[in-house]
Amino acid sequence: MKYAIIIPDGCADEPLKALQGRTPLQAAQLPAMDALAAAGQVGLSNNTPAHLPAGSEVANLSLLGYDPDQYFTGRAPLEAAAQGISLGPHDWAIRCNLVTIAEQVMVDFTADHISTAEATELLAVAQSELAAAWPGPGTFRFIPGVSYRNLLIYRGTDADPPPFSQETRTTAPHDLTDLAINDDFPRGPGSWLLQQWMDASGELFRDLPVNQRRRQQGHRDATHLWLWGLGRTPQLPSFHSRFGVQGAMITAVDLLRGIAALVGWPRIEVPGATGYLDTDYAAKGAHAIAALESHDLICVHIEAPDEASHEGRHDAKISALEEIDRHIVAPLHRALADHGPYRILVSPDHPTPCSTKKHSHGMVPFLIAGSDLPADAASRYDEVSAAETGLRLEEGWDLMDLFFK
């Protein structure tokens, strides 16, 4: 049997006045998803326990069958795994955004989608002026990633305890869009250092050539480092040992690349996949279809709906959903059926309402269809239809058991 999991990140939403009380899923034209909903099973699952962050790191672990209370240690270690960075017993990974802050307000958690080359230039300065001046114990190194998404790695020693602990608390910058940041700096062990470097970066970056060029080009400055999501590498059992199926991951986001690496999935890199609204949806669909020849399961993650929500753009979210339906869900479903017995799952990780521009806790709609599954009463794929079926998974990590049952 062949399997496909499609994750339209953050696509669950709330009714919007601008859409006459509909959600973006309800307003979008999604013939392929609706046909699967009518032929299969639709329900709700909760991937973000109330006591944990309502972020993609927790939600995607849940969605793929891993109880975050048992396996979640922080976001940054998952992204370190994506870059092949191994963490020792005394090491920590810290997520490092380049952001735009003005008058203590988070104006843009992406620094106007700064380029990778520009980010690398800024991090080189942070390395020489901040990390290199750290007197120890241990060492720090800034690691460029993609665009605004970067890492800070702490390498500890046997002789001295690390400056951080599981009690160190931080806030994701994408949850602070257009909000004051005064009460959202790191707290707990080692937070003084993170906050000191975040503050110092404002002065450090202000007049650097990269920001001068950005101003001349009409772009926002990358004003500060924002350090968050720290943790140690989790120990995840392989997906194959859990469910007896070998998968592969298609994504443009390091978080999902890292989860894939830790559960034993190869990553399939797709040219034109950007992790933003301009991603090449058709290329993702084509590579997913090709992957079915050599893998039992293909997982396709699409970040675009979440990015649209963070910008408060319901129109862009609807467009992204329609592109996913047309270029990924529809052709991948046809290809699965051509291979013989199959199952397909469509589910976001968490809600990201356009009204708040940030991730939230709460149920998300899922659909499961396949050659051996009976249909339930649903005829559409959206939040309301999913609620009406009565199929609810209070613990989202049970969804994989349902999918493979």
Protein backbone atom coordinates (compact mmCIF):
# COMPACT_ATOMS: atom_id res chain seq x y z
CA MET A 1 0.00 0.00 0.00
CA LYS A 2 1.10 3.56 -0.74
CA TYR A 3 0.51 6.49 1.62
CA ALA A 4 0.62 10.28 1.37
CA ILE A 5 0.46 12.93 4.10
CA ILE A 6 -0.16 16.53 3.04
CA ILE A 7 0.36 19.27 5.64
CA PRO A 8 -0.98 22.72 4.64
CA ASP A 9 0.70 24.47 7.55
CA GLY A 10 -1.55 26.68 9.68
CA CYS A 11 -4.52 26.44 7.31
CA ALA A 12 -7.11 26.04 10.12
CA ASP A 13 -8.68 29.39 10.93
CA GLU A 14 -11.71 31.19 12.35
CA PRO A 15 -14.75 32.75 10.65
CA LEU A 16 -13.85 36.13 9.19
CA LYS A 17 -16.14 39.09 8.67
CA ALA A 18 -14.37 39.83 5.39
CA LEU A 19 -15.42 36.36 4.19
CA GLN A 20 -19.06 36.73 5.32
CA GLY A 21 -18.47 34.60 8.39
CA ARG A 22 -16.59 31.84 6.58
CA THR A 23 -13.11 30.52 7.21
CA PRO A 24 -10.50 30.55 4.41
CA LEU A 25 -11.01 26.78 4.02
CA GLN A 26 -14.73 27.36 3.51
CA ALA A 27 -14.18 30.26 1.13
CA ALA A 28 -11.57 28.50 -1.02
CA GLN A 29 -12.46 26.43 -4.08
CA LEU A 30 -11.03 23.00 -3.16
CA PRO A 31 -12.58 20.38 -5.46
CA ALA A 32 -9.91 17.74 -4.83
CA MET A 33 -9.99 18.02 -1.03
CA ASP A 34 -13.79 18.14 -1.00
CA ALA A 35 -13.98 15.01 -3.18
CA LEU A 36 -11.65 13.19 -0.79
CA ALA A 37 -13.72 14.37 2.17
CA ALA A 38 -16.89 13.03 0.55
CA ALA A 39 -15.20 9.69 -0.15
CA GLY A 40 -13.45 9.29 3.18
CA GLN A 41 -13.47 10.32 6.82
CA VAL A 42 -13.28 13.84 8.25
CA GLY A 43 -12.70 14.83 11.85
CA LEU A 44 -10.87 17.08 14.30
CA SER A 45 -7.62 16.53 16.16
CA ASN A 46 -5.75 18.50 18.80
CA ASN A 47 -2.02 18.65 18.07
CA THR A 48 -1.07 21.35 20.57
CA PRO A 49 -1.61 20.50 24.26
CA ALA A 50 -2.59 23.59 26.22
CA HIS A 51 0.51 23.49 28.46
CA LEU A 52 2.94 23.48 25.49
CA PRO A 53 3.67 26.18 22.88
CA ALA A 54 1.13 26.37 20.05
CA GLY A 55 3.90 26.11 17.51
CA SER A 56 4.81 23.98 14.52
CA GLU A 57 7.48 22.18 16.52
CA VAL A 58 4.93 20.70 18.94
CA ALA A 59 2.12 20.34 16.41
CA ASN A 60 4.11 18.50 13.73
CA LEU A 61 5.54 16.04 16.23
CA SER A 62 1.95 15.33 17.30
CA LEU A 63 0.68 15.11 13.75
CA LEU A 64 3.33 12.52 12.88
CA GLY A 65 2.48 10.37 15.89
CA TYR A 66 4.93 11.51 18.58
CA ASP A 67 3.55 12.56 21.97
CA PRO A 68 5.17 15.98 22.57
CA ASP A 69 5.06 15.49 26.34
CA GLN A 70 7.46 12.60 25.80
CA TYR A 71 9.55 13.85 22.88
CA PHE A 72 9.49 17.66 22.64
CA THR A 73 12.66 19.39 23.90
CA GLY A 74 12.56 22.66 21.94
CA ARG A 75 12.35 23.91 18.37
CA ALA A 76 15.97 24.76 17.66
CA PRO A 77 17.32 21.19 18.12
CA LEU A 78 14.96 20.02 15.38
CA GLU A 79 16.32 22.66 13.03
CA ALA A 80 19.89 21.77 13.99
CA ALA A 81 19.17 18.20 12.91
CA ALA A 82 18.06 19.54 9.53
CA GLN A 83 21.53 20.98 9.02
CA GLY A 84 23.24 17.78 10.16
CA ILE A 85 24.42 19.41 13.40
CA SER A 86 24.89 16.84 16.16
CA LEU A 87 24.46 18.02 19.74
CA GLY A 88 26.39 16.42 22.59
CA PRO A 89 25.09 15.93 26.12
CA HIS A 90 26.15 19.44 27.18
CA ASP A 91 25.18 21.25 23.96
CA TRP A 92 22.17 23.43 23.22
CA ALA A 93 20.62 24.79 20.02
CA ILE A 94 18.91 28.18 20.01
CA ARG A 95 16.75 29.55 17.21
CA CYS A 96 17.99 32.92 15.93
CA ASN A 97 15.61 35.09 13.92
CA LEU A 98 16.66 38.30 12.24
CA VAL A 99 13.77 40.67 12.93
CA THR A 100 12.62 44.26 12.58
CA ILE A 101 11.75 45.98 15.85
CA ALA A 102 10.70 49.63 16.07
CA GLU A 103 9.78 51.44 19.28
CA GLN A 104 9.63 48.11 21.12
CA VAL A 105 7.12 46.64 18.66
CA MET A 106 7.74 43.51 16.56
CA VAL A 107 7.20 45.04 13.13
CA ASP A 108 8.40 42.03 11.11
CA PHE A 109 9.63 38.68 12.42
CA THR A 110 11.28 37.98 9.02
CA ALA A 111 13.17 41.30 8.66
CA ASP A 112 11.29 41.83 5.39
CA HIS A 113 12.25 38.31 4.27
CA ILE A 114 15.93 39.11 4.38
CA SER A 115 18.04 37.15 1.91
CA THR A 116 20.27 34.31 3.06
CA ALA A 117 23.35 36.18 1.86
CA GLU A 118 22.40 39.26 3.88
CA ALA A 119 21.63 37.16 6.94
CA THR A 120 25.01 35.44 6.66
CA GLU A 121 26.72 38.84 6.56
CA LEU A 122 24.94 39.99 9.74
CA LEU A 123 25.61 36.74 11.59
CA ALA A 124 29.31 36.99 10.79
CA VAL A 125 29.35 40.31 12.66
CA ALA A 126 27.39 38.81 15.56
CA GLN A 127 29.92 35.98 15.71
CA SER A 128 32.95 38.26 15.86
CA GLU A 129 31.46 40.88 18.19
CA LEU A 130 29.26 38.81 20.51
CA ALA A 131 29.99 35.08 20.41
CA ALA A 132 33.76 35.46 20.15
CA ALA A 133 33.76 37.69 23.23
CA TRP A 134 32.01 35.08 25.41
CA PRO A 135 34.52 34.16 28.14
CA GLY A 136 33.16 30.67 28.71
CA PRO A 137 32.56 28.06 29.86
CA GLY A 138 31.74 26.55 26.50
CA THR A 139 31.57 28.29 23.14
CA PHE A 140 28.88 29.84 20.98
CA ARG A 141 28.58 29.83 17.19
CA PHE A 142 26.02 31.54 14.95
CA ILE A 143 24.96 29.24 12.09
CA PRO A 144 23.31 30.76 8.98
CA GLY A 145 20.19 28.97 7.79
CA VAL A 146 17.72 30.21 5.19
CA SER A 147 16.67 33.86 5.15
CA TYR A 148 15.65 35.01 8.63
CA ARG A 149 15.72 31.48 10.09
CA ASN A 150 19.12 30.83 11.70
CA LEU A 151 20.70 29.09 14.69
CA LEU A 152 22.98 29.76 17.63
CA ILE A 153 24.79 26.65 18.89
CA TYR A 154 26.23 26.36 22.39
CA ARG A 155 28.95 23.73 22.88
CA GLY A 156 29.34 22.86 26.55
CA THR A 157 32.03 21.08 28.52
CA ASP A 158 32.09 18.22 31.01
CA ALA A 159 33.52 20.50 33.69
CA ASP A 160 30.83 23.19 33.82
CA PRO A 161 27.04 23.11 33.63
CA PRO A 162 25.45 24.86 30.62
CA PRO A 163 24.00 28.31 31.26
CA PHE A 164 20.51 27.12 30.18
CA SER A 165 17.99 24.58 31.42
CA GLN A 166 14.55 23.26 30.55
CA GLU A 167 13.24 26.10 32.73
CA THR A 168 14.55 28.74 30.31
CA ARG A 169 11.51 30.28 28.62
CA THR A 170 11.37 32.23 25.35
CA THR A 171 8.71 33.58 22.99
CA ALA A 172 8.43 32.90 19.27
CA PRO A 173 8.72 36.17 17.33
CA HIS A 174 5.97 35.19 14.89
CA ASP A 175 3.57 35.26 17.85
CA LEU A 176 4.44 38.91 18.50
CA THR A 177 3.64 40.47 15.12
CA ASP A 178 2.54 44.10 15.61
CA LEU A 179 2.73 43.64 19.40
CA ALA A 180 4.91 45.25 22.08
CA ILE A 181 7.81 43.01 23.06
CA ASN A 182 8.57 44.48 26.50
CA ASP A 183 7.24 41.46 28.42
CA ASP A 184 8.41 38.77 26.01
CA PHE A 185 12.16 38.64 26.45
CA PRO A 186 13.74 35.35 27.60
CA ARG A 187 13.20 34.31 31.20
CA GLY A 188 14.93 31.80 33.48
CA PRO A 189 18.46 30.33 33.54
CA GLY A 190 20.77 31.94 31.01
CA SER A 191 18.14 34.43 29.89
CA TRP A 192 20.35 37.34 30.90
CA LEU A 193 22.83 36.37 28.18
CA LEU A 194 20.19 35.91 25.47
CA GLN A 195 18.59 39.24 26.32
CA GLN A 196 21.97 40.98 26.48
CA TRP A 197 22.86 39.82 22.97
CA MET A 198 19.41 40.65 21.61
CA ASP A 199 19.74 44.18 22.99
CA ALA A 200 23.34 44.58 21.82
CA SER A 201 22.49 43.53 18.27
CA GLY A 202 20.34 46.63 17.83
CA GLU A 203 23.34 48.93 18.15
CA LEU A 204 25.62 46.48 16.35
CA PHE A 205 23.45 46.14 13.22
CA ARG A 206 22.22 49.71 12.84
CA ASP A 207 24.84 51.16 10.52
CA LEU A 208 26.24 48.02 8.91
CA PRO A 209 26.54 48.13 5.09
CA VAL A 210 23.92 45.40 4.67
CA ASN A 211 21.27 47.53 6.38
CA GLN A 212 22.37 50.65 4.53
CA ARG A 213 21.86 48.79 1.24
CA ARG A 214 18.46 47.52 2.37
CA ARG A 215 17.29 51.05 3.18
CA GLN A 216 18.41 52.27 -0.26
CA GLN A 217 16.45 49.40 -1.85
CA GLY A 218 13.30 50.22 0.12
CA HIS A 219 13.51 47.23 2.47
CA ARG A 220 13.19 47.18 6.23
CA ASP A 221 16.32 46.92 8.35
CA ALA A 222 17.21 43.71 10.13
CA THR A 223 17.38 45.57 13.42
CA HIS A 224 17.92 42.78 15.97
CA LEU A 225 18.62 39.17 16.75
CA TRP A 226 15.70 37.37 18.40
CA LEU A 227 16.83 34.27 20.34
CA TRP A 228 14.25 31.61 21.23
CA GLY A 229 13.17 27.96 21.01
CA LEU A 230 16.27 26.57 22.72
CA GLY A 231 16.72 22.94 23.70
CA ARG A 232 18.66 19.71 23.41
CA THR A 233 18.28 17.03 20.76
CA PRO A 234 15.28 14.75 21.41
CA GLN A 235 15.57 10.99 21.11
CA LEU A 236 12.89 9.99 18.60
CA PRO A 237 12.26 6.36 17.67
CA SER A 238 12.18 5.87 13.92
CA PHE A 239 8.87 6.21 12.12
CA HIS A 240 9.37 2.77 10.62
CA SER A 241 9.77 1.18 14.05
CA ARG A 242 6.55 2.89 15.17
CA PHE A 243 4.32 2.27 12.15
CA GLY A 244 6.11 -0.19 9.87
CA VAL A 245 6.26 2.25 6.95
CA GLN A 246 9.27 4.02 5.47
CA GLY A 247 8.60 7.62 4.44
CA ALA A 248 10.27 10.63 2.85
CA MET A 249 9.75 14.36 3.43
CA ILE A 250 9.23 17.25 1.01
CA THR A 251 9.44 20.66 2.69
CA ALA A 252 11.22 24.00 2.40
CA VAL A 253 11.34 24.52 6.18
CA ASP A 254 14.24 23.38 8.36
CA LEU A 255 11.94 22.42 11.23
CA LEU A 256 10.28 19.72 9.12
CA ARG A 257 13.61 18.71 7.60
CA GLY A 258 14.90 18.20 11.13
CA ILE A 259 11.95 16.12 12.26
CA ALA A 260 12.36 14.00 9.13
CA ALA A 261 16.04 13.43 9.88
CA LEU A 262 15.32 12.42 13.47
CA VAL A 263 12.58 9.91 12.54
CA GLY A 264 14.69 8.37 9.78
CA TRP A 265 13.16 9.88 6.64
CA PRO A 266 15.25 11.16 3.73
CA ARG A 267 14.51 14.72 2.60
CA ILE A 268 13.66 15.38 -1.05
CA GLU A 269 14.76 18.88 -2.00
CA VAL A 270 12.55 20.55 -4.60
CA PRO A 271 13.90 23.39 -6.77
CA GLY A 272 11.62 26.40 -6.43
CA ALA A 273 10.30 25.41 -2.99
CA THR A 274 10.73 28.56 -0.90
CA GLY A 275 8.70 28.11 2.30
CA TYR A 276 6.74 31.22 1.32
CA LEU A 277 3.76 32.21 -0.84
CA ASP A 278 5.87 32.13 -4.01
CA THR A 279 6.75 28.46 -3.59
CA ASP A 280 6.52 26.18 -6.64
CA TYR A 281 3.44 24.12 -5.77
CA ALA A 282 3.50 22.16 -9.03
CA ALA A 283 7.12 21.16 -8.50
CA LYS A 284 6.29 19.87 -5.03
CA GLY A 285 3.45 17.80 -6.46
CA ALA A 286 5.60 16.40 -9.25
CA HIS A 287 8.42 15.41 -6.89
CA ALA A 288 5.93 13.77 -4.52
CA ILE A 289 4.53 11.68 -7.36
CA ALA A 290 8.03 10.64 -8.44
CA ALA A 291 8.88 9.68 -4.84
CA LEU A 292 6.08 7.09 -4.78
CA GLU A 293 8.21 4.89 -7.03
CA SER A 294 10.79 4.35 -4.27
CA HIS A 295 8.95 5.11 -1.00
CA ASP A 296 5.88 3.67 0.68
CA LEU A 297 4.93 7.07 2.13
CA ILE A 298 5.53 10.63 1.00
CA CYS A 299 4.89 13.60 3.28
CA VAL A 300 4.46 17.02 1.64
CA HIS A 301 4.59 20.07 3.90
CA ILE A 302 3.57 23.48 2.55
CA GLU A 303 4.34 26.56 4.65
CA ALA A 304 2.47 29.10 2.50
CA PRO A 305 -0.92 29.16 4.33
CA ASP A 306 0.85 29.82 7.61
CA GLU A 307 2.90 32.65 6.12
CA ALA A 308 -0.27 34.25 4.73
CA SER A 309 -1.87 34.07 8.18
CA HIS A 310 1.15 35.69 9.83
CA GLU A 311 0.68 38.58 7.42
CA GLY A 312 -3.07 38.73 8.10
CA ARG A 313 -3.85 38.14 4.40
CA HIS A 314 -6.90 35.91 4.06
CA ASP A 315 -6.89 36.39 0.28
CA ALA A 316 -3.33 35.05 0.02
CA LYS A 317 -4.28 32.16 2.31
CA ILE A 318 -7.22 31.22 0.09
CA SER A 319 -4.98 31.40 -2.98
CA ALA A 320 -2.35 29.17 -1.34
CA LEU A 321 -5.00 26.59 -0.41
CA GLU A 322 -6.32 26.53 -3.97
CA GLU A 323 -2.80 26.06 -5.33
CA ILE A 324 -2.23 23.17 -2.93
CA ASP A 325 -5.51 21.58 -3.99
CA ARG A 326 -4.79 21.98 -7.71
CA HIS A 327 -1.10 21.16 -7.89
CA ILE A 328 -0.49 18.78 -4.97
CA VAL A 329 -3.63 17.09 -3.66
CA ALA A 330 -5.33 16.36 -6.99
CA PRO A 331 -2.34 14.95 -8.95
CA LEU A 332 -0.94 13.09 -5.94
CA HIS A 333 -4.30 11.43 -5.32
CA ARG A 334 -4.46 10.28 -8.96
CA ALA A 335 -0.93 8.90 -8.76
CA LEU A 336 -1.68 7.04 -5.53
CA ALA A 337 -4.72 5.39 -7.12
CA ASP A 338 -2.60 4.31 -10.11
CA HIS A 339 -0.23 2.48 -7.75
CA GLY A 340 -3.01 0.32 -6.28
CA PRO A 341 -4.24 0.29 -2.67
CA TYR A 342 -3.59 3.65 -0.99
CA ARG A 343 -4.45 6.07 1.78
CA ILE A 344 -4.11 9.85 1.85
CA LEU A 345 -4.21 12.24 4.81
CA VAL A 346 -4.65 16.01 4.65
CA SER A 347 -4.22 17.95 7.89
CA PRO A 348 -2.67 21.18 9.11
CA ASP A 349 -0.46 21.12 12.18
CA HIS A 350 -2.14 23.94 14.15
CA PRO A 351 -4.55 26.84 13.58
CA THR A 352 -3.10 30.19 12.55
CA PRO A 353 -5.95 32.72 12.48
CA CYS A 354 -5.54 35.63 10.10
CA SER A 355 -7.16 37.88 12.71
CA THR A 356 -4.39 37.36 15.28
CA LYS A 357 -1.51 36.62 12.86
CA LYS A 358 -0.14 33.97 15.23
CA HIS A 359 -0.34 30.28 16.00
CA SER A 360 -3.05 29.16 18.38
CA HIS A 361 -4.10 26.11 20.34
CA GLY A 362 -7.21 24.26 19.26
CA MET A 363 -8.60 21.56 17.04
CA VAL A 364 -7.70 21.28 13.36
CA PRO A 365 -9.66 19.47 10.62
CA PHE A 366 -8.24 16.35 9.02
CA LEU A 367 -9.39 14.08 6.23
CA ILE A 368 -8.41 10.48 5.54
CA ALA A 369 -9.40 8.76 2.32
CA GLY A 370 -8.30 5.60 0.60
CA SER A 371 -9.15 2.61 -1.51
CA ASP A 372 -10.28 0.58 1.52
CA LEU A 373 -12.08 3.21 3.61
CA PRO A 374 -15.84 3.80 3.83
CA ALA A 375 -17.22 7.33 3.58
CA ASP A 376 -18.71 9.24 6.50
CA ALA A 377 -21.33 11.98 6.29
CA ALA A 378 -18.99 14.86 5.39
CA SER A 379 -19.07 16.33 1.90
CA ARG A 380 -16.50 19.13 2.32
CA TYR A 381 -13.15 19.65 3.93
CA ASP A 382 -13.31 22.54 6.39
CA GLU A 383 -13.53 23.25 10.10
CA VAL A 384 -17.33 23.18 10.30
CA SER A 385 -17.76 19.96 8.33
CA ALA A 386 -15.09 18.29 10.45
CA ALA A 387 -16.84 19.31 13.67
CA GLU A 388 -20.16 17.91 12.48
CA THR A 389 -18.92 14.33 12.00
CA GLY A 390 -18.27 13.79 15.71
CA LEU A 391 -14.85 12.22 15.04
CA ARG A 392 -12.52 13.91 17.53
CA LEU A 393 -9.00 13.05 18.61
CA GLU A 394 -8.18 14.92 21.82
CA GLU A 395 -4.58 13.71 21.52
CA GLY A 396 -3.38 14.45 18.03
CA TRP A 397 -0.61 11.87 18.11
CA ASP A 398 -3.34 9.19 17.86
CA LEU A 399 -4.03 10.30 14.27
CA MET A 400 -1.22 8.17 12.83
CA ASP A 401 -2.70 5.06 14.45
CA LEU A 402 -6.04 5.90 12.84
CA PHE A 403 -4.37 6.58 9.49
CA PHE A 404 -2.59 3.23 9.37
CA LYS A 405 -5.30 1.15 11.08
